Amino acid sequence: MRFNFLQFTIYSPGKRSSNPQMETWIRTSSLALRTVCLIHIVHSHIYEFTETRGESMLPTLAATNDYVHALKKYKDGKGCKIGDCIVAAKPTDPHQRVCKRITGMPGDIILVDPSMGSEVTHGITRLTDLDEENSSHFNDFIKVPPGHVWVTGDNLSQSLDSRTYNSLPMGLIKGKIVAANDLNEPFWGGDKGNFFGFRKIENAYVEED
């Protein structure tokens, strides 16, 4: 009686494979897997390059096709200061990201002051259309609690921010925005800067005497 056994070729890096195509496939797959892992590590812990959408940060960031460079060492608000621009998870929808500027730190007393009369982006209800009870909230003073920051958009009349969803937990901060590329600009020599409108995003806080 004869038995036919299946033979398997096991790839060993130090040994020449009898199947060059399999060897090439394994090497390519290994390289792709390591590349994906590296990108994930960088994106999660070091650096993020992401698109911003909406008018809330005009004129600092364009409404479309503006990509920000965010450093992850500022994750969870570590080292962040008033006036810094940040990327954070949206409190009302953690799967979405928002770009805002920190305008209040823990312990600061903030006057909740809504913008006047302009419709918020994408047809969301105007702040001035809120009922009287909620509208009175915007004229109150609040103290930013520990572990939170107060954030607003640079374009106040078109921004949903802490005036709507209250203080932002610092644990939602994903990074600090340090630069941006506006892809609406030409490759070189645009109004905002060279190489697709590259420019630094500065801290806008000015302390008055």
N, C-alpha and C. Protein backbone atom coordinates (compact mmCIF):
# COMPACT_ATOMS: atom_id res chain seq x y z
N MET A 1 0.86 -1.19 0.00
CA MET A 1 0.00 0.00 0.00
C MET A 1 0.89 1.23 0.00
N ARG A 2 0.56 2.20 -0.83
CA ARG A 2 1.37 3.41 -0.94
C ARG A 2 0.59 4.59 -0.38
N PHE A 3 1.31 5.48 0.29
CA PHE A 3 0.70 6.69 0.85
C PHE A 3 1.36 7.89 0.19
N ASN A 4 0.54 8.82 -0.23
CA ASN A 4 1.05 10.07 -0.79
C ASN A 4 0.87 11.18 0.26
N PHE A 5 1.99 11.79 0.64
CA PHE A 5 1.95 12.85 1.65
C PHE A 5 2.16 14.20 0.97
N LEU A 6 1.38 15.19 1.48
CA LEU A 6 1.58 16.55 0.98
C LEU A 6 2.87 17.10 1.54
N GLN A 7 3.59 17.78 0.73
CA GLN A 7 4.84 18.38 1.16
C GLN A 7 4.66 19.90 1.23
N PHE A 8 5.14 20.49 2.35
CA PHE A 8 5.04 21.94 2.54
C PHE A 8 6.45 22.52 2.57
N THR A 9 6.60 23.66 1.93
CA THR A 9 7.88 24.36 1.94
C THR A 9 7.80 25.49 2.96
N ILE A 10 8.61 25.41 3.97
CA ILE A 10 8.64 26.43 5.02
C ILE A 10 9.76 27.39 4.71
N TYR A 11 9.40 28.70 4.68
CA TYR A 11 10.39 29.72 4.33
C TYR A 11 11.28 30.04 5.52
N SER A 12 12.56 30.01 5.29
CA SER A 12 13.53 30.41 6.30
C SER A 12 14.41 31.50 5.71
N PRO A 13 14.56 32.65 6.42
CA PRO A 13 15.34 33.75 5.87
C PRO A 13 16.76 33.37 5.48
N GLY A 14 17.35 32.41 6.20
CA GLY A 14 18.73 32.05 5.92
C GLY A 14 18.88 30.96 4.88
N LYS A 15 17.77 30.52 4.35
CA LYS A 15 17.82 29.40 3.41
C LYS A 15 17.14 29.79 2.11
N ARG A 16 17.74 29.48 1.00
CA ARG A 16 17.16 29.80 -0.29
C ARG A 16 15.89 28.99 -0.51
N SER A 17 14.81 29.68 -0.86
CA SER A 17 13.53 29.01 -1.06
C SER A 17 13.49 28.36 -2.43
N SER A 18 12.80 27.22 -2.49
CA SER A 18 12.62 26.55 -3.78
C SER A 18 11.47 27.16 -4.56
N ASN A 19 10.78 28.12 -3.93
CA ASN A 19 9.66 28.80 -4.57
C ASN A 19 9.91 30.31 -4.52
N PRO A 20 10.57 30.86 -5.54
CA PRO A 20 10.91 32.29 -5.54
C PRO A 20 9.69 33.20 -5.42
N GLN A 21 8.58 32.81 -6.04
CA GLN A 21 7.39 33.64 -5.97
C GLN A 21 6.85 33.73 -4.54
N MET A 22 6.86 32.59 -3.84
CA MET A 22 6.42 32.58 -2.45
C MET A 22 7.35 33.43 -1.58
N GLU A 23 8.65 33.32 -1.83
CA GLU A 23 9.62 34.10 -1.07
C GLU A 23 9.40 35.59 -1.28
N THR A 24 9.16 36.00 -2.52
CA THR A 24 8.90 37.41 -2.82
C THR A 24 7.62 37.88 -2.14
N TRP A 25 6.59 37.04 -2.17
CA TRP A 25 5.31 37.40 -1.55
C TRP A 25 5.45 37.58 -0.05
N ILE A 26 6.20 36.68 0.59
CA ILE A 26 6.40 36.76 2.04
C ILE A 26 7.17 38.02 2.40
N ARG A 27 8.22 38.32 1.64
CA ARG A 27 9.01 39.52 1.92
C ARG A 27 8.18 40.79 1.74
N THR A 28 7.38 40.82 0.67
CA THR A 28 6.54 41.99 0.41
C THR A 28 5.50 42.16 1.50
N SER A 29 4.88 41.06 1.90
CA SER A 29 3.86 41.11 2.95
C SER A 29 4.46 41.55 4.28
N SER A 30 5.66 41.05 4.57
CA SER A 30 6.33 41.42 5.81
C SER A 30 6.65 42.91 5.83
N LEU A 31 7.15 43.42 4.70
CA LEU A 31 7.47 44.85 4.61
C LEU A 31 6.21 45.70 4.74
N ALA A 32 5.13 45.27 4.08
CA ALA A 32 3.87 46.02 4.16
C ALA A 32 3.33 46.04 5.58
N LEU A 33 3.40 44.90 6.27
CA LEU A 33 2.91 44.82 7.65
C LEU A 33 3.71 45.72 8.57
N ARG A 34 5.04 45.70 8.42
CA ARG A 34 5.88 46.55 9.26
C ARG A 34 5.64 48.03 8.97
N THR A 35 5.39 48.36 7.70
CA THR A 35 5.11 49.75 7.34
C THR A 35 3.81 50.23 7.97
N VAL A 36 2.78 49.38 7.90
CA VAL A 36 1.49 49.73 8.51
C VAL A 36 1.63 49.91 10.02
N CYS A 37 2.38 49.03 10.66
CA CYS A 37 2.60 49.14 12.10
C CYS A 37 3.33 50.43 12.45
N LEU A 38 4.33 50.79 11.65
CA LEU A 38 5.09 52.00 11.89
C LEU A 38 4.20 53.23 11.74
N ILE A 39 3.39 53.25 10.68
CA ILE A 39 2.48 54.38 10.46
C ILE A 39 1.51 54.52 11.62
N HIS A 40 0.99 53.39 12.10
CA HIS A 40 0.05 53.41 13.23
C HIS A 40 0.71 53.97 14.49
N ILE A 41 1.94 53.55 14.76
CA ILE A 41 2.66 54.02 15.94
C ILE A 41 2.91 55.52 15.85
N VAL A 42 3.37 55.97 14.67
CA VAL A 42 3.64 57.40 14.47
C VAL A 42 2.35 58.21 14.62
N HIS A 43 1.28 57.74 13.98
CA HIS A 43 0.00 58.47 14.01
C HIS A 43 -0.59 58.51 15.41
N SER A 44 -0.38 57.47 16.19
CA SER A 44 -0.99 57.40 17.52
C SER A 44 -0.17 58.12 18.59
N HIS A 45 1.15 58.15 18.44
CA HIS A 45 1.99 58.61 19.53
C HIS A 45 2.95 59.76 19.18
N ILE A 46 3.14 60.07 17.90
CA ILE A 46 4.16 61.05 17.55
C ILE A 46 3.61 62.22 16.74
N TYR A 47 2.94 61.92 15.65
CA TYR A 47 2.61 62.98 14.67
C TYR A 47 1.34 62.62 13.92
N GLU A 48 0.54 63.64 13.62
CA GLU A 48 -0.69 63.43 12.85
C GLU A 48 -0.80 64.49 11.77
N PHE A 49 -1.15 64.06 10.56
CA PHE A 49 -1.37 64.96 9.43
C PHE A 49 -2.80 64.74 8.98
N THR A 50 -3.66 65.71 9.21
CA THR A 50 -5.09 65.48 8.98
C THR A 50 -5.76 66.70 8.37
N GLU A 51 -6.82 66.45 7.61
CA GLU A 51 -7.56 67.53 6.95
C GLU A 51 -8.52 68.20 7.92
N THR A 52 -8.68 69.51 7.76
CA THR A 52 -9.68 70.24 8.53
C THR A 52 -10.80 70.68 7.60
N ARG A 53 -12.01 70.68 8.12
CA ARG A 53 -13.17 71.11 7.34
C ARG A 53 -14.05 72.01 8.18
N GLY A 54 -14.67 72.97 7.53
CA GLY A 54 -15.56 73.89 8.23
C GLY A 54 -14.94 75.27 8.38
N GLU A 55 -15.78 76.22 8.71
CA GLU A 55 -15.38 77.63 8.75
C GLU A 55 -15.03 78.12 10.14
N SER A 56 -15.02 77.25 11.13
CA SER A 56 -14.87 77.70 12.51
C SER A 56 -13.50 78.29 12.82
N MET A 57 -12.47 77.93 12.04
CA MET A 57 -11.12 78.43 12.33
C MET A 57 -10.62 79.43 11.30
N LEU A 58 -11.51 79.95 10.46
CA LEU A 58 -11.11 81.02 9.55
C LEU A 58 -10.69 82.25 10.36
N PRO A 59 -9.68 83.01 9.94
CA PRO A 59 -8.85 82.81 8.74
C PRO A 59 -7.61 81.97 8.99
N THR A 60 -7.44 81.46 10.21
CA THR A 60 -6.24 80.68 10.52
C THR A 60 -6.15 79.43 9.66
N LEU A 61 -7.27 78.72 9.54
CA LEU A 61 -7.34 77.51 8.72
C LEU A 61 -8.46 77.66 7.70
N ALA A 62 -8.19 77.20 6.47
CA ALA A 62 -9.18 77.30 5.41
C ALA A 62 -10.35 76.35 5.67
N ALA A 63 -11.49 76.65 5.05
CA ALA A 63 -12.69 75.84 5.26
C ALA A 63 -12.57 74.45 4.65
N THR A 64 -11.79 74.31 3.58
CA THR A 64 -11.59 73.01 2.92
C THR A 64 -10.14 72.89 2.46
N ASN A 65 -9.69 71.65 2.32
CA ASN A 65 -8.37 71.34 1.76
C ASN A 65 -7.20 71.94 2.54
N ASP A 66 -7.40 72.18 3.81
CA ASP A 66 -6.29 72.63 4.66
C ASP A 66 -5.91 71.46 5.56
N TYR A 67 -4.64 71.10 5.55
CA TYR A 67 -4.17 69.94 6.32
C TYR A 67 -3.23 70.43 7.42
N VAL A 68 -3.49 69.98 8.64
CA VAL A 68 -2.71 70.45 9.77
C VAL A 68 -1.69 69.40 10.21
N HIS A 69 -0.58 69.89 10.76
CA HIS A 69 0.46 69.05 11.34
C HIS A 69 0.31 69.15 12.87
N ALA A 70 0.00 68.04 13.51
CA ALA A 70 -0.23 68.03 14.96
C ALA A 70 0.78 67.12 15.64
N LEU A 71 1.38 67.62 16.72
CA LEU A 71 2.34 66.85 17.50
C LEU A 71 1.63 66.16 18.65
N LYS A 72 1.86 64.84 18.78
CA LYS A 72 1.16 64.04 19.78
C LYS A 72 1.77 64.13 21.18
N LYS A 73 2.91 64.78 21.31
CA LYS A 73 3.48 64.91 22.66
C LYS A 73 2.61 65.82 23.54
N TYR A 74 1.68 66.53 22.89
CA TYR A 74 0.75 67.38 23.64
C TYR A 74 -0.59 66.68 23.88
N LYS A 75 -0.63 65.38 23.61
CA LYS A 75 -1.86 64.61 23.82
C LYS A 75 -2.32 64.71 25.28
N ASP A 76 -3.62 64.72 25.47
CA ASP A 76 -4.24 64.87 26.80
C ASP A 76 -3.94 66.24 27.41
N GLY A 77 -3.54 67.20 26.56
CA GLY A 77 -3.32 68.55 27.03
C GLY A 77 -1.99 68.79 27.70
N LYS A 78 -1.09 67.80 27.65
CA LYS A 78 0.21 67.94 28.31
C LYS A 78 1.03 69.05 27.64
N GLY A 79 1.38 70.07 28.40
CA GLY A 79 2.19 71.16 27.87
C GLY A 79 1.41 72.19 27.08
N CYS A 80 0.11 72.02 26.92
CA CYS A 80 -0.69 72.99 26.16
C CYS A 80 -0.89 74.26 26.98
N LYS A 81 -0.97 75.39 26.27
CA LYS A 81 -1.15 76.69 26.92
C LYS A 81 -2.32 77.42 26.28
N ILE A 82 -2.79 78.44 26.96
CA ILE A 82 -3.84 79.26 26.40
C ILE A 82 -3.32 79.92 25.12
N GLY A 83 -4.12 79.89 24.07
CA GLY A 83 -3.70 80.43 22.77
C GLY A 83 -3.25 79.37 21.79
N ASP A 84 -3.01 78.14 22.25
CA ASP A 84 -2.59 77.05 21.36
C ASP A 84 -3.78 76.53 20.55
N CYS A 85 -3.49 76.12 19.30
CA CYS A 85 -4.49 75.43 18.49
C CYS A 85 -4.33 73.93 18.70
N ILE A 86 -5.44 73.23 18.83
CA ILE A 86 -5.38 71.80 19.12
C ILE A 86 -6.31 71.01 18.20
N VAL A 87 -6.01 69.71 18.10
CA VAL A 87 -6.93 68.75 17.51
C VAL A 87 -7.49 67.93 18.66
N ALA A 88 -8.81 67.78 18.69
CA ALA A 88 -9.45 67.05 19.79
C ALA A 88 -10.61 66.22 19.27
N ALA A 89 -10.96 65.20 20.03
CA ALA A 89 -12.18 64.45 19.73
C ALA A 89 -13.37 65.31 20.12
N LYS A 90 -14.39 65.32 19.28
CA LYS A 90 -15.58 66.12 19.55
C LYS A 90 -16.34 65.52 20.73
N PRO A 91 -16.64 66.30 21.77
CA PRO A 91 -17.29 65.74 22.96
C PRO A 91 -18.62 65.06 22.66
N THR A 92 -19.37 65.60 21.70
CA THR A 92 -20.68 65.03 21.38
C THR A 92 -20.60 63.88 20.39
N ASP A 93 -19.42 63.66 19.79
CA ASP A 93 -19.22 62.56 18.84
C ASP A 93 -17.73 62.23 18.81
N PRO A 94 -17.26 61.34 19.68
CA PRO A 94 -15.83 61.04 19.80
C PRO A 94 -15.17 60.54 18.52
N HIS A 95 -15.97 60.10 17.54
CA HIS A 95 -15.40 59.62 16.29
C HIS A 95 -15.01 60.76 15.36
N GLN A 96 -15.45 61.98 15.66
CA GLN A 96 -15.10 63.14 14.86
C GLN A 96 -14.02 63.96 15.54
N ARG A 97 -13.22 64.66 14.72
CA ARG A 97 -12.17 65.53 15.25
C ARG A 97 -12.58 66.99 15.05
N VAL A 98 -12.15 67.84 15.96
CA VAL A 98 -12.36 69.28 15.83
C VAL A 98 -11.02 69.98 16.02
N CYS A 99 -10.88 71.11 15.36
CA CYS A 99 -9.71 71.97 15.53
C CYS A 99 -10.18 73.27 16.18
N LYS A 100 -9.66 73.57 17.34
CA LYS A 100 -10.07 74.76 18.08
C LYS A 100 -8.84 75.40 18.73
N ARG A 101 -9.08 76.59 19.29
CA ARG A 101 -8.01 77.27 20.02
C ARG A 101 -8.36 77.30 21.51
N ILE A 102 -7.38 77.03 22.34
CA ILE A 102 -7.59 77.07 23.79
C ILE A 102 -7.68 78.53 24.23
N THR A 103 -8.81 78.89 24.83
CA THR A 103 -9.00 80.26 25.31
C THR A 103 -9.23 80.31 26.82
N GLY A 104 -9.12 79.18 27.47
CA GLY A 104 -9.23 79.15 28.92
C GLY A 104 -8.61 77.88 29.48
N MET A 105 -7.83 78.03 30.56
CA MET A 105 -7.18 76.90 31.20
C MET A 105 -7.90 76.57 32.51
N PRO A 106 -7.60 75.41 33.11
CA PRO A 106 -8.24 75.05 34.37
C PRO A 106 -8.11 76.16 35.42
N GLY A 107 -9.23 76.52 36.03
CA GLY A 107 -9.23 77.57 37.04
C GLY A 107 -9.54 78.95 36.52
N ASP A 108 -9.48 79.15 35.20
CA ASP A 108 -9.79 80.46 34.62
C ASP A 108 -11.28 80.76 34.72
N ILE A 109 -11.61 82.04 34.89
CA ILE A 109 -12.99 82.49 34.89
C ILE A 109 -13.32 82.98 33.48
N ILE A 110 -14.33 82.39 32.86
CA ILE A 110 -14.65 82.66 31.46
C ILE A 110 -16.04 83.29 31.35
N LEU A 111 -16.13 84.35 30.55
CA LEU A 111 -17.43 84.91 30.19
C LEU A 111 -17.92 84.20 28.95
N VAL A 112 -19.03 83.48 29.05
CA VAL A 112 -19.59 82.77 27.91
C VAL A 112 -20.31 83.80 27.06
N ASP A 113 -19.70 84.18 25.94
CA ASP A 113 -20.21 85.29 25.14
C ASP A 113 -20.44 84.84 23.71
N PRO A 114 -21.67 84.60 23.28
CA PRO A 114 -21.92 84.08 21.94
C PRO A 114 -21.67 85.11 20.86
N SER A 115 -21.36 84.65 19.67
CA SER A 115 -21.28 85.54 18.52
C SER A 115 -22.69 85.96 18.15
N MET A 116 -22.80 87.03 17.42
CA MET A 116 -24.11 87.63 17.17
C MET A 116 -24.61 87.35 15.76
N GLY A 117 -25.73 86.64 15.69
CA GLY A 117 -26.56 86.64 14.50
C GLY A 117 -26.14 85.84 13.31
N SER A 118 -24.98 85.20 13.28
CA SER A 118 -24.56 84.49 12.08
C SER A 118 -24.92 83.02 12.21
N GLU A 119 -25.34 82.44 11.11
CA GLU A 119 -25.73 81.03 11.12
C GLU A 119 -24.50 80.16 11.21
N VAL A 120 -24.58 79.12 12.00
CA VAL A 120 -23.46 78.21 12.17
C VAL A 120 -23.33 77.33 10.94
N THR A 121 -22.12 76.89 10.64
CA THR A 121 -21.83 76.10 9.45
C THR A 121 -22.76 74.91 9.30
N HIS A 122 -23.09 74.59 8.06
CA HIS A 122 -23.88 73.42 7.69
C HIS A 122 -25.32 73.49 8.22
N GLY A 123 -25.85 74.71 8.41
CA GLY A 123 -27.26 74.86 8.72
C GLY A 123 -27.65 74.52 10.13
N ILE A 124 -26.69 74.43 11.04
CA ILE A 124 -27.03 74.14 12.44
C ILE A 124 -27.69 75.38 13.05
N THR A 125 -28.58 75.18 14.00
CA THR A 125 -29.37 76.26 14.58
C THR A 125 -28.50 77.43 15.04
N ARG A 126 -28.94 78.63 14.75
CA ARG A 126 -28.22 79.81 15.18
C ARG A 126 -28.19 79.89 16.70
N LEU A 127 -27.09 80.43 17.20
CA LEU A 127 -27.00 80.60 18.65
C LEU A 127 -28.09 81.55 19.13
N THR A 128 -28.40 82.58 18.35
CA THR A 128 -29.39 83.57 18.76
C THR A 128 -30.81 83.03 18.68
N ASP A 129 -30.98 81.85 18.07
CA ASP A 129 -32.31 81.25 17.97
C ASP A 129 -32.62 80.31 19.13
N LEU A 130 -31.67 80.13 20.03
CA LEU A 130 -31.92 79.26 21.17
C LEU A 130 -32.94 79.88 22.11
N ASP A 131 -33.61 79.07 22.90
CA ASP A 131 -34.63 79.61 23.78
C ASP A 131 -34.02 80.54 24.82
N GLU A 132 -34.84 81.35 25.43
CA GLU A 132 -34.36 82.40 26.32
C GLU A 132 -33.57 81.85 27.50
N GLU A 133 -34.02 80.71 28.04
CA GLU A 133 -33.33 80.13 29.19
C GLU A 133 -31.91 79.73 28.84
N ASN A 134 -31.73 79.08 27.67
CA ASN A 134 -30.39 78.67 27.26
C ASN A 134 -29.56 79.87 26.84
N SER A 135 -30.19 80.86 26.22
CA SER A 135 -29.46 82.03 25.75
C SER A 135 -28.86 82.79 26.92
N SER A 136 -29.56 82.82 28.06
CA SER A 136 -29.03 83.53 29.22
C SER A 136 -27.74 82.90 29.72
N HIS A 137 -27.58 81.60 29.43
CA HIS A 137 -26.36 80.89 29.83
C HIS A 137 -25.12 81.53 29.21
N PHE A 138 -25.25 82.06 27.99
CA PHE A 138 -24.10 82.59 27.29
C PHE A 138 -23.57 83.88 27.91
N ASN A 139 -24.34 84.52 28.77
CA ASN A 139 -23.90 85.75 29.41
C ASN A 139 -23.41 85.50 30.84
N ASP A 140 -23.27 84.24 31.21
CA ASP A 140 -22.79 83.89 32.55
C ASP A 140 -21.27 83.80 32.58
N PHE A 141 -20.74 83.87 33.79
CA PHE A 141 -19.34 83.57 34.02
C PHE A 141 -19.25 82.14 34.53
N ILE A 142 -18.27 81.39 34.03
CA ILE A 142 -18.05 80.05 34.56
C ILE A 142 -16.56 79.87 34.87
N LYS A 143 -16.28 78.96 35.76
CA LYS A 143 -14.90 78.63 36.10
C LYS A 143 -14.56 77.30 35.45
N VAL A 144 -13.49 77.29 34.66
CA VAL A 144 -13.07 76.07 33.98
C VAL A 144 -12.63 75.05 35.03
N PRO A 145 -13.25 73.89 35.08
CA PRO A 145 -12.93 72.90 36.12
C PRO A 145 -11.56 72.25 35.89
N PRO A 146 -11.02 71.62 36.92
CA PRO A 146 -9.74 70.91 36.77
C PRO A 146 -9.84 69.84 35.69
N GLY A 147 -8.75 69.67 34.94
CA GLY A 147 -8.72 68.65 33.90
C GLY A 147 -9.48 69.02 32.65
N HIS A 148 -9.86 70.29 32.51
CA HIS A 148 -10.61 70.76 31.35
C HIS A 148 -9.99 72.04 30.79
N VAL A 149 -10.31 72.35 29.55
CA VAL A 149 -9.94 73.63 28.95
C VAL A 149 -11.17 74.21 28.26
N TRP A 150 -11.12 75.51 28.02
CA TRP A 150 -12.18 76.19 27.28
C TRP A 150 -11.66 76.43 25.86
N VAL A 151 -12.41 75.99 24.87
CA VAL A 151 -11.95 76.12 23.48
C VAL A 151 -12.99 76.87 22.65
N THR A 152 -12.50 77.67 21.71
CA THR A 152 -13.37 78.38 20.77
C THR A 152 -12.72 78.37 19.40
N GLY A 153 -13.52 78.61 18.38
CA GLY A 153 -12.99 78.78 17.04
C GLY A 153 -12.57 80.22 16.82
N ASP A 154 -11.62 80.44 15.93
CA ASP A 154 -11.19 81.81 15.64
C ASP A 154 -12.30 82.60 14.95
N ASN A 155 -13.16 81.90 14.23
CA ASN A 155 -14.31 82.52 13.57
C ASN A 155 -15.53 82.29 14.46
N LEU A 156 -15.69 83.14 15.47
CA LEU A 156 -16.66 82.88 16.53
C LEU A 156 -18.08 82.69 16.03
N SER A 157 -18.47 83.45 15.02
CA SER A 157 -19.85 83.38 14.56
C SER A 157 -20.17 82.09 13.82
N GLN A 158 -19.14 81.32 13.44
CA GLN A 158 -19.34 80.09 12.69
C GLN A 158 -18.78 78.87 13.42
N SER A 159 -18.73 78.94 14.74
CA SER A 159 -18.06 77.88 15.49
C SER A 159 -18.97 77.26 16.55
N LEU A 160 -19.00 75.93 16.56
CA LEU A 160 -19.58 75.19 17.68
C LEU A 160 -18.43 74.77 18.58
N ASP A 161 -18.42 75.24 19.80
CA ASP A 161 -17.26 75.04 20.67
C ASP A 161 -17.72 74.97 22.12
N SER A 162 -16.86 75.38 23.05
CA SER A 162 -17.20 75.27 24.46
C SER A 162 -18.43 76.10 24.83
N ARG A 163 -18.75 77.10 24.03
CA ARG A 163 -19.97 77.87 24.29
C ARG A 163 -21.22 77.01 24.11
N THR A 164 -21.06 75.92 23.35
CA THR A 164 -22.18 75.01 23.10
C THR A 164 -22.08 73.74 23.94
N TYR A 165 -20.89 73.10 23.94
CA TYR A 165 -20.76 71.82 24.65
C TYR A 165 -19.94 71.92 25.93
N ASN A 166 -19.72 73.15 26.42
CA ASN A 166 -19.08 73.41 27.69
C ASN A 166 -17.58 73.07 27.63
N SER A 167 -16.94 73.05 28.79
CA SER A 167 -15.49 72.84 28.86
C SER A 167 -15.11 71.50 28.25
N LEU A 168 -13.96 71.48 27.61
CA LEU A 168 -13.47 70.28 26.94
C LEU A 168 -12.56 69.48 27.86
N PRO A 169 -12.86 68.22 28.14
CA PRO A 169 -11.93 67.39 28.93
C PRO A 169 -10.58 67.29 28.23
N MET A 170 -9.51 67.49 28.97
CA MET A 170 -8.18 67.46 28.37
C MET A 170 -7.84 66.08 27.81
N GLY A 171 -8.50 65.05 28.31
CA GLY A 171 -8.28 63.71 27.79
C GLY A 171 -8.71 63.53 26.35
N LEU A 172 -9.51 64.47 25.84
CA LEU A 172 -9.96 64.40 24.44
C LEU A 172 -8.98 65.08 23.48
N ILE A 173 -8.01 65.80 24.02
CA ILE A 173 -7.03 66.48 23.17
C ILE A 173 -6.08 65.45 22.55
N LYS A 174 -5.98 65.46 21.23
CA LYS A 174 -5.16 64.49 20.50
C LYS A 174 -3.79 65.04 20.12
N GLY A 175 -3.64 66.34 20.08
CA GLY A 175 -2.35 66.92 19.72
C GLY A 175 -2.46 68.42 19.54
N LYS A 176 -1.31 69.06 19.44
CA LYS A 176 -1.22 70.50 19.24
C LYS A 176 -0.85 70.79 17.79
N ILE A 177 -1.60 71.69 17.15
CA ILE A 177 -1.34 72.05 15.76
C ILE A 177 -0.17 73.03 15.71
N VAL A 178 0.86 72.68 14.96
CA VAL A 178 2.05 73.54 14.88
C VAL A 178 2.26 74.11 13.48
N ALA A 179 1.59 73.53 12.47
CA ALA A 179 1.75 74.02 11.10
C ALA A 179 0.59 73.51 10.26
N ALA A 180 0.49 74.03 9.02
CA ALA A 180 -0.59 73.60 8.14
C ALA A 180 -0.18 73.79 6.68
N ASN A 181 -0.78 72.99 5.82
CA ASN A 181 -0.63 73.12 4.37
C ASN A 181 -2.00 73.36 3.74
N ASP A 182 -2.13 74.47 3.03
CA ASP A 182 -3.39 74.79 2.34
C ASP A 182 -3.27 74.32 0.90
N LEU A 183 -3.94 73.21 0.57
CA LEU A 183 -3.85 72.65 -0.78
C LEU A 183 -4.66 73.44 -1.79
N ASN A 184 -5.34 74.50 -1.35
CA ASN A 184 -5.96 75.43 -2.29
C ASN A 184 -4.91 76.34 -2.92
N GLU A 185 -3.75 76.41 -2.31
CA GLU A 185 -2.65 77.24 -2.79
C GLU A 185 -1.84 76.49 -3.84
N PRO A 186 -1.10 77.22 -4.71
CA PRO A 186 -0.24 76.55 -5.69
C PRO A 186 0.91 75.83 -5.01
N PHE A 187 1.56 74.94 -5.77
CA PHE A 187 2.66 74.16 -5.21
C PHE A 187 3.74 75.06 -4.63
N TRP A 188 4.01 76.17 -5.28
CA TRP A 188 5.09 77.06 -4.82
C TRP A 188 4.70 78.51 -5.04
N GLY A 189 5.07 79.35 -4.09
CA GLY A 189 4.88 80.78 -4.27
C GLY A 189 3.48 81.29 -4.04
N GLY A 190 2.69 80.61 -3.20
CA GLY A 190 1.34 81.07 -2.91
C GLY A 190 1.32 82.23 -1.93
N ASP A 191 0.14 82.77 -1.68
CA ASP A 191 0.01 83.90 -0.77
C ASP A 191 0.33 83.53 0.68
N LYS A 192 0.02 82.30 1.06
CA LYS A 192 0.22 81.89 2.45
C LYS A 192 1.62 81.36 2.73
N GLY A 193 2.33 80.95 1.69
CA GLY A 193 3.66 80.41 1.88
C GLY A 193 4.02 79.44 0.78
N ASN A 194 5.28 79.07 0.73
CA ASN A 194 5.72 78.13 -0.29
C ASN A 194 5.29 76.70 0.04
N PHE A 195 5.30 75.85 -0.99
CA PHE A 195 4.94 74.44 -0.87
C PHE A 195 3.53 74.26 -0.32
N PHE A 196 2.55 74.49 -1.21
CA PHE A 196 1.14 74.32 -0.88
C PHE A 196 0.74 75.10 0.37
N GLY A 197 1.12 76.35 0.40
CA GLY A 197 0.68 77.21 1.49
C GLY A 197 1.14 76.80 2.87
N PHE A 198 2.34 76.22 2.97
CA PHE A 198 2.84 75.81 4.27
C PHE A 198 3.12 77.03 5.15
N ARG A 199 2.64 76.99 6.37
CA ARG A 199 2.93 78.05 7.32
C ARG A 199 2.83 77.50 8.73
N LYS A 200 3.51 78.15 9.65
CA LYS A 200 3.44 77.77 11.06
C LYS A 200 2.14 78.32 11.66
N ILE A 201 1.58 77.57 12.59
CA ILE A 201 0.41 78.03 13.33
C ILE A 201 0.89 78.50 14.70
N GLU A 202 0.82 79.80 14.91
CA GLU A 202 1.39 80.39 16.11
C GLU A 202 0.36 80.45 17.24
N ASN A 203 0.89 80.56 18.46
CA ASN A 203 0.05 80.82 19.62
C ASN A 203 -0.41 82.28 19.54
N ALA A 204 -1.73 82.50 19.59
CA ALA A 204 -2.30 83.82 19.36
C ALA A 204 -2.54 84.60 20.65
N TYR A 205 -2.12 84.04 21.78
CA TYR A 205 -2.43 84.69 23.06
C TYR A 205 -1.53 85.90 23.27
N VAL A 206 -2.15 87.02 23.59
CA VAL A 206 -1.42 88.25 23.91
C VAL A 206 -1.89 88.72 25.28
N GLU A 207 -0.98 88.81 26.21
CA GLU A 207 -1.33 89.24 27.56
C GLU A 207 -1.30 90.75 27.64
N GLU A 208 -2.44 91.33 28.02
CA GLU A 208 -2.54 92.78 28.10
C GLU A 208 -2.09 93.26 29.47
N ASP A 209 -1.51 94.47 29.48
CA ASP A 209 -1.07 95.06 30.74
C ASP A 209 -2.26 95.53 31.57
